[in-house]
Amino acid sequence: MVQPTRSQRLLRPFEVGKLISTGRRRAKLSQQAFAERLGVSRKTVSDLERGAAENVSLKTAMAALSQAGYVLSASARRAPSLAEVMAQRAAHRTRVEELAAEPAATARKPER
């Protein structure tokens, strides 16, 4: 079993798949052996690990995480603080300014 670590926020399917892949490899199981234990096809395990499994039930995904040594948990979402919102807006503004400056910088380069 995977050693307990801090919790991780998962926002995309491939992030779940990365955990499943890591846990499977840590257990030294092939995708085929993992799939047999899970009761699904090897292709389903491959799709899960790549974040491409479109028709996998929540039950299967939870079982795969469990088999890989993880526990799925949920927590209430909190609203961001004003400071967090302002920091995010400043970061976005800076990034927009950087992107806007790139074409101007490349346009000014002298041709040889």
N, C-alpha and C. Protein backbone atom coordinates (compact mmCIF):
# COMPACT_ATOMS: atom_id res chain seq x y z
N MET A 1 0.83 -1.19 0.00
CA MET A 1 0.00 0.00 0.00
C MET A 1 0.87 1.25 0.00
N VAL A 2 0.40 2.28 -0.64
CA VAL A 2 1.13 3.54 -0.74
C VAL A 2 1.19 4.21 0.64
N GLN A 3 2.33 4.77 0.96
CA GLN A 3 2.49 5.46 2.22
C GLN A 3 1.60 6.70 2.24
N PRO A 4 0.96 7.00 3.37
CA PRO A 4 0.10 8.18 3.44
C PRO A 4 0.90 9.45 3.18
N THR A 5 0.36 10.30 2.36
CA THR A 5 0.97 11.59 2.08
C THR A 5 -0.11 12.64 2.18
N ARG A 6 0.25 13.86 1.92
CA ARG A 6 -0.76 14.91 1.97
C ARG A 6 -1.76 14.69 0.84
N SER A 7 -2.94 15.21 1.02
CA SER A 7 -3.96 15.05 -0.01
C SER A 7 -3.61 15.88 -1.23
N GLN A 8 -4.16 15.49 -2.35
CA GLN A 8 -3.86 16.15 -3.61
C GLN A 8 -5.18 16.49 -4.29
N ARG A 9 -5.28 17.69 -4.79
CA ARG A 9 -6.48 18.11 -5.50
C ARG A 9 -6.39 17.66 -6.95
N LEU A 10 -7.37 16.90 -7.39
CA LEU A 10 -7.38 16.37 -8.75
C LEU A 10 -8.46 17.08 -9.54
N LEU A 11 -8.07 17.68 -10.64
CA LEU A 11 -9.01 18.45 -11.44
C LEU A 11 -9.27 17.86 -12.82
N ARG A 12 -8.37 17.01 -13.29
CA ARG A 12 -8.50 16.47 -14.65
C ARG A 12 -8.39 14.95 -14.61
N PRO A 13 -9.05 14.28 -15.57
CA PRO A 13 -9.00 12.81 -15.59
C PRO A 13 -7.58 12.25 -15.66
N PHE A 14 -6.68 12.91 -16.39
CA PHE A 14 -5.33 12.35 -16.50
C PHE A 14 -4.60 12.39 -15.16
N GLU A 15 -4.99 13.28 -14.25
CA GLU A 15 -4.36 13.33 -12.93
C GLU A 15 -4.74 12.09 -12.12
N VAL A 16 -5.99 11.66 -12.25
CA VAL A 16 -6.44 10.42 -11.60
C VAL A 16 -5.68 9.26 -12.23
N GLY A 17 -5.59 9.28 -13.56
CA GLY A 17 -4.88 8.22 -14.27
C GLY A 17 -3.43 8.11 -13.86
N LYS A 18 -2.80 9.25 -13.63
CA LYS A 18 -1.39 9.25 -13.22
C LYS A 18 -1.23 8.55 -11.86
N LEU A 19 -2.16 8.80 -10.95
CA LEU A 19 -2.12 8.11 -9.66
C LEU A 19 -2.30 6.61 -9.83
N ILE A 20 -3.26 6.23 -10.67
CA ILE A 20 -3.51 4.81 -10.90
C ILE A 20 -2.27 4.15 -11.48
N SER A 21 -1.66 4.78 -12.47
CA SER A 21 -0.46 4.25 -13.10
C SER A 21 0.69 4.13 -12.09
N THR A 22 0.89 5.17 -11.29
CA THR A 22 1.95 5.16 -10.29
C THR A 22 1.75 4.04 -9.28
N GLY A 23 0.52 3.90 -8.78
CA GLY A 23 0.22 2.85 -7.81
C GLY A 23 0.37 1.46 -8.41
N ARG A 24 -0.06 1.28 -9.65
CA ARG A 24 0.05 -0.02 -10.32
C ARG A 24 1.52 -0.40 -10.47
N ARG A 25 2.32 0.55 -10.92
CA ARG A 25 3.75 0.28 -11.10
C ARG A 25 4.44 0.03 -9.76
N ARG A 26 4.05 0.77 -8.75
CA ARG A 26 4.63 0.58 -7.42
C ARG A 26 4.33 -0.83 -6.91
N ALA A 27 3.15 -1.35 -7.27
CA ALA A 27 2.77 -2.71 -6.88
C ALA A 27 3.39 -3.76 -7.81
N LYS A 28 4.14 -3.28 -8.81
CA LYS A 28 4.82 -4.15 -9.78
C LYS A 28 3.83 -5.06 -10.51
N LEU A 29 2.73 -4.43 -10.97
CA LEU A 29 1.71 -5.15 -11.72
C LEU A 29 1.67 -4.64 -13.16
N SER A 30 1.51 -5.55 -14.09
CA SER A 30 1.30 -5.15 -15.48
C SER A 30 -0.12 -4.62 -15.59
N GLN A 31 -0.39 -3.93 -16.69
CA GLN A 31 -1.76 -3.46 -16.91
C GLN A 31 -2.72 -4.64 -16.97
N GLN A 32 -2.27 -5.75 -17.59
CA GLN A 32 -3.13 -6.93 -17.70
C GLN A 32 -3.44 -7.51 -16.32
N ALA A 33 -2.44 -7.67 -15.46
CA ALA A 33 -2.66 -8.20 -14.12
C ALA A 33 -3.55 -7.27 -13.30
N PHE A 34 -3.32 -5.98 -13.43
CA PHE A 34 -4.14 -4.99 -12.72
C PHE A 34 -5.58 -5.08 -13.19
N ALA A 35 -5.76 -5.19 -14.51
CA ALA A 35 -7.11 -5.28 -15.08
C ALA A 35 -7.83 -6.53 -14.59
N GLU A 36 -7.13 -7.65 -14.53
CA GLU A 36 -7.73 -8.89 -14.05
C GLU A 36 -8.19 -8.76 -12.60
N ARG A 37 -7.37 -8.16 -11.77
CA ARG A 37 -7.76 -7.93 -10.37
C ARG A 37 -8.96 -7.00 -10.26
N LEU A 38 -9.03 -6.06 -11.18
CA LEU A 38 -10.10 -5.06 -11.17
C LEU A 38 -11.37 -5.57 -11.84
N GLY A 39 -11.22 -6.59 -12.69
CA GLY A 39 -12.38 -7.14 -13.40
C GLY A 39 -12.76 -6.35 -14.64
N VAL A 40 -11.76 -5.73 -15.26
CA VAL A 40 -11.99 -4.95 -16.49
C VAL A 40 -10.96 -5.39 -17.52
N SER A 41 -11.06 -4.84 -18.72
CA SER A 41 -10.08 -5.15 -19.76
C SER A 41 -8.80 -4.35 -19.57
N ARG A 42 -7.72 -4.84 -20.19
CA ARG A 42 -6.46 -4.11 -20.14
C ARG A 42 -6.60 -2.75 -20.81
N LYS A 43 -7.41 -2.68 -21.87
CA LYS A 43 -7.64 -1.41 -22.55
C LYS A 43 -8.30 -0.40 -21.61
N THR A 44 -9.21 -0.86 -20.77
CA THR A 44 -9.84 0.05 -19.81
C THR A 44 -8.81 0.63 -18.85
N VAL A 45 -7.90 -0.20 -18.38
CA VAL A 45 -6.83 0.28 -17.49
C VAL A 45 -5.96 1.29 -18.24
N SER A 46 -5.61 0.97 -19.47
CA SER A 46 -4.80 1.89 -20.28
C SER A 46 -5.54 3.23 -20.45
N ASP A 47 -6.83 3.16 -20.78
CA ASP A 47 -7.63 4.38 -20.94
C ASP A 47 -7.70 5.18 -19.64
N LEU A 48 -7.89 4.49 -18.51
CA LEU A 48 -7.93 5.17 -17.21
C LEU A 48 -6.62 5.91 -16.95
N GLU A 49 -5.51 5.21 -17.19
CA GLU A 49 -4.20 5.79 -16.90
C GLU A 49 -3.89 6.99 -17.79
N ARG A 50 -4.42 7.00 -19.00
CA ARG A 50 -4.19 8.12 -19.91
C ARG A 50 -5.23 9.23 -19.75
N GLY A 51 -6.24 9.00 -18.92
CA GLY A 51 -7.30 9.99 -18.74
C GLY A 51 -8.26 10.01 -19.92
N ALA A 52 -8.30 8.91 -20.67
CA ALA A 52 -9.11 8.84 -21.87
C ALA A 52 -10.34 7.95 -21.71
N ALA A 53 -10.59 7.46 -20.51
CA ALA A 53 -11.71 6.56 -20.28
C ALA A 53 -12.99 7.37 -20.19
N GLU A 54 -13.78 7.36 -21.26
CA GLU A 54 -14.99 8.18 -21.31
C GLU A 54 -16.20 7.50 -20.69
N ASN A 55 -16.23 6.17 -20.71
CA ASN A 55 -17.42 5.47 -20.24
C ASN A 55 -17.13 4.55 -19.07
N VAL A 56 -16.27 4.98 -18.17
CA VAL A 56 -15.95 4.19 -16.99
C VAL A 56 -16.81 4.69 -15.83
N SER A 57 -17.37 3.76 -15.11
CA SER A 57 -18.23 4.15 -13.99
C SER A 57 -17.38 4.70 -12.84
N LEU A 58 -18.02 5.46 -12.00
CA LEU A 58 -17.35 5.98 -10.80
C LEU A 58 -16.90 4.81 -9.93
N LYS A 59 -17.71 3.76 -9.89
CA LYS A 59 -17.36 2.57 -9.11
C LYS A 59 -16.04 1.96 -9.60
N THR A 60 -15.88 1.86 -10.91
CA THR A 60 -14.64 1.31 -11.48
C THR A 60 -13.45 2.22 -11.19
N ALA A 61 -13.64 3.51 -11.36
CA ALA A 61 -12.55 4.46 -11.09
C ALA A 61 -12.14 4.41 -9.62
N MET A 62 -13.12 4.34 -8.74
CA MET A 62 -12.81 4.26 -7.31
C MET A 62 -12.11 2.95 -6.98
N ALA A 63 -12.54 1.86 -7.59
CA ALA A 63 -11.90 0.56 -7.36
C ALA A 63 -10.47 0.57 -7.87
N ALA A 64 -10.23 1.22 -9.02
CA ALA A 64 -8.88 1.32 -9.57
C ALA A 64 -7.98 2.12 -8.64
N LEU A 65 -8.49 3.22 -8.13
CA LEU A 65 -7.70 4.02 -7.17
C LEU A 65 -7.39 3.21 -5.92
N SER A 66 -8.38 2.50 -5.42
CA SER A 66 -8.18 1.67 -4.24
C SER A 66 -7.15 0.58 -4.50
N GLN A 67 -7.28 -0.10 -5.64
CA GLN A 67 -6.34 -1.15 -6.02
C GLN A 67 -4.92 -0.60 -6.16
N ALA A 68 -4.82 0.67 -6.56
CA ALA A 68 -3.51 1.32 -6.72
C ALA A 68 -2.96 1.86 -5.40
N GLY A 69 -3.76 1.73 -4.34
CA GLY A 69 -3.28 2.14 -3.02
C GLY A 69 -3.70 3.52 -2.58
N TYR A 70 -4.75 4.05 -3.18
CA TYR A 70 -5.23 5.39 -2.83
C TYR A 70 -6.66 5.34 -2.31
N VAL A 71 -7.06 6.38 -1.62
CA VAL A 71 -8.41 6.53 -1.12
C VAL A 71 -8.97 7.81 -1.72
N LEU A 72 -10.16 7.73 -2.28
CA LEU A 72 -10.82 8.90 -2.83
C LEU A 72 -11.63 9.55 -1.71
N SER A 73 -11.45 10.83 -1.52
CA SER A 73 -12.22 11.54 -0.50
C SER A 73 -12.74 12.84 -1.09
N ALA A 74 -13.68 13.43 -0.40
CA ALA A 74 -14.27 14.68 -0.86
C ALA A 74 -14.25 15.68 0.27
N SER A 75 -14.17 16.94 -0.09
CA SER A 75 -14.23 17.99 0.92
C SER A 75 -15.05 19.14 0.35
N ALA A 76 -15.62 19.90 1.25
CA ALA A 76 -16.43 21.04 0.82
C ALA A 76 -15.53 22.07 0.17
N ARG A 77 -16.03 22.66 -0.88
CA ARG A 77 -15.28 23.70 -1.58
C ARG A 77 -15.52 25.02 -0.88
N ARG A 78 -14.46 25.76 -0.65
CA ARG A 78 -14.60 27.05 -0.01
C ARG A 78 -14.40 28.15 -1.03
N ALA A 79 -15.04 29.25 -0.80
CA ALA A 79 -14.86 30.40 -1.68
C ALA A 79 -13.45 30.97 -1.48
N PRO A 80 -12.81 31.44 -2.55
CA PRO A 80 -11.48 32.01 -2.39
C PRO A 80 -11.55 33.32 -1.61
N SER A 81 -10.48 33.62 -0.89
CA SER A 81 -10.42 34.87 -0.15
C SER A 81 -10.18 36.02 -1.13
N LEU A 82 -10.42 37.23 -0.67
CA LEU A 82 -10.19 38.40 -1.51
C LEU A 82 -8.72 38.47 -1.92
N ALA A 83 -7.83 38.15 -1.00
CA ALA A 83 -6.40 38.18 -1.31
C ALA A 83 -6.06 37.17 -2.42
N GLU A 84 -6.67 35.98 -2.37
CA GLU A 84 -6.43 34.97 -3.41
C GLU A 84 -6.95 35.43 -4.76
N VAL A 85 -8.12 36.04 -4.77
CA VAL A 85 -8.71 36.53 -6.02
C VAL A 85 -7.83 37.63 -6.60
N MET A 86 -7.39 38.55 -5.77
CA MET A 86 -6.56 39.66 -6.25
C MET A 86 -5.21 39.15 -6.77
N ALA A 87 -4.62 38.16 -6.09
CA ALA A 87 -3.34 37.60 -6.53
C ALA A 87 -3.51 36.90 -7.88
N GLN A 88 -4.60 36.19 -8.04
CA GLN A 88 -4.86 35.50 -9.30
C GLN A 88 -5.07 36.51 -10.43
N ARG A 89 -5.81 37.58 -10.16
CA ARG A 89 -6.03 38.61 -11.19
C ARG A 89 -4.72 39.27 -11.58
N ALA A 90 -3.87 39.55 -10.60
CA ALA A 90 -2.56 40.17 -10.89
C ALA A 90 -1.71 39.23 -11.75
N ALA A 91 -1.73 37.94 -11.43
CA ALA A 91 -0.97 36.97 -12.22
C ALA A 91 -1.50 36.90 -13.65
N HIS A 92 -2.80 36.93 -13.81
CA HIS A 92 -3.40 36.89 -15.14
C HIS A 92 -3.04 38.15 -15.92
N ARG A 93 -3.10 39.30 -15.26
CA ARG A 93 -2.78 40.57 -15.91
C ARG A 93 -1.33 40.56 -16.38
N THR A 94 -0.43 40.08 -15.54
CA THR A 94 0.98 40.01 -15.89
C THR A 94 1.18 39.10 -17.11
N ARG A 95 0.50 37.96 -17.11
CA ARG A 95 0.63 37.01 -18.22
C ARG A 95 0.09 37.62 -19.52
N VAL A 96 -1.02 38.32 -19.44
CA VAL A 96 -1.59 38.98 -20.63
C VAL A 96 -0.62 40.02 -21.17
N GLU A 97 -0.01 40.79 -20.28
CA GLU A 97 0.96 41.80 -20.71
C GLU A 97 2.17 41.15 -21.36
N GLU A 98 2.62 40.01 -20.82
CA GLU A 98 3.76 39.29 -21.42
C GLU A 98 3.41 38.80 -22.81
N LEU A 99 2.23 38.22 -22.95
CA LEU A 99 1.80 37.70 -24.25
C LEU A 99 1.62 38.82 -25.27
N ALA A 100 1.10 39.94 -24.81
CA ALA A 100 0.89 41.08 -25.72
C ALA A 100 2.23 41.66 -26.16
N ALA A 101 3.24 41.61 -25.32
CA ALA A 101 4.55 42.17 -25.64
C ALA A 101 5.35 41.28 -26.58
N GLU A 102 5.07 39.98 -26.62
CA GLU A 102 5.84 39.05 -27.45
C GLU A 102 5.78 39.41 -28.94
N PRO A 103 4.61 39.59 -29.54
CA PRO A 103 4.60 39.92 -30.97
C PRO A 103 5.32 41.24 -31.26
N ALA A 104 5.20 42.21 -30.37
CA ALA A 104 5.86 43.50 -30.57
C ALA A 104 7.37 43.32 -30.54
N ALA A 105 7.87 42.48 -29.67
CA ALA A 105 9.31 42.25 -29.57
C ALA A 105 9.83 41.53 -30.80
N THR A 106 9.08 40.56 -31.31
CA THR A 106 9.53 39.84 -32.51
C THR A 106 9.39 40.70 -33.76
N ALA A 107 8.45 41.62 -33.76
CA ALA A 107 8.24 42.49 -34.93
C ALA A 107 9.39 43.50 -35.05
N ARG A 108 10.02 43.87 -33.94
CA ARG A 108 11.07 44.87 -33.94
C ARG A 108 12.44 44.31 -34.29
N LYS A 109 12.58 43.00 -34.36
CA LYS A 109 13.89 42.42 -34.65
C LYS A 109 14.31 42.80 -36.07
N PRO A 110 15.52 43.30 -36.23
CA PRO A 110 15.99 43.66 -37.58
C PRO A 110 16.26 42.41 -38.40
N GLU A 111 15.93 42.50 -39.68
CA GLU A 111 16.18 41.38 -40.59
C GLU A 111 17.61 41.45 -41.07
N ARG A 112 18.18 40.32 -41.38
CA ARG A 112 19.58 40.28 -41.86
C ARG A 112 19.61 40.00 -43.31
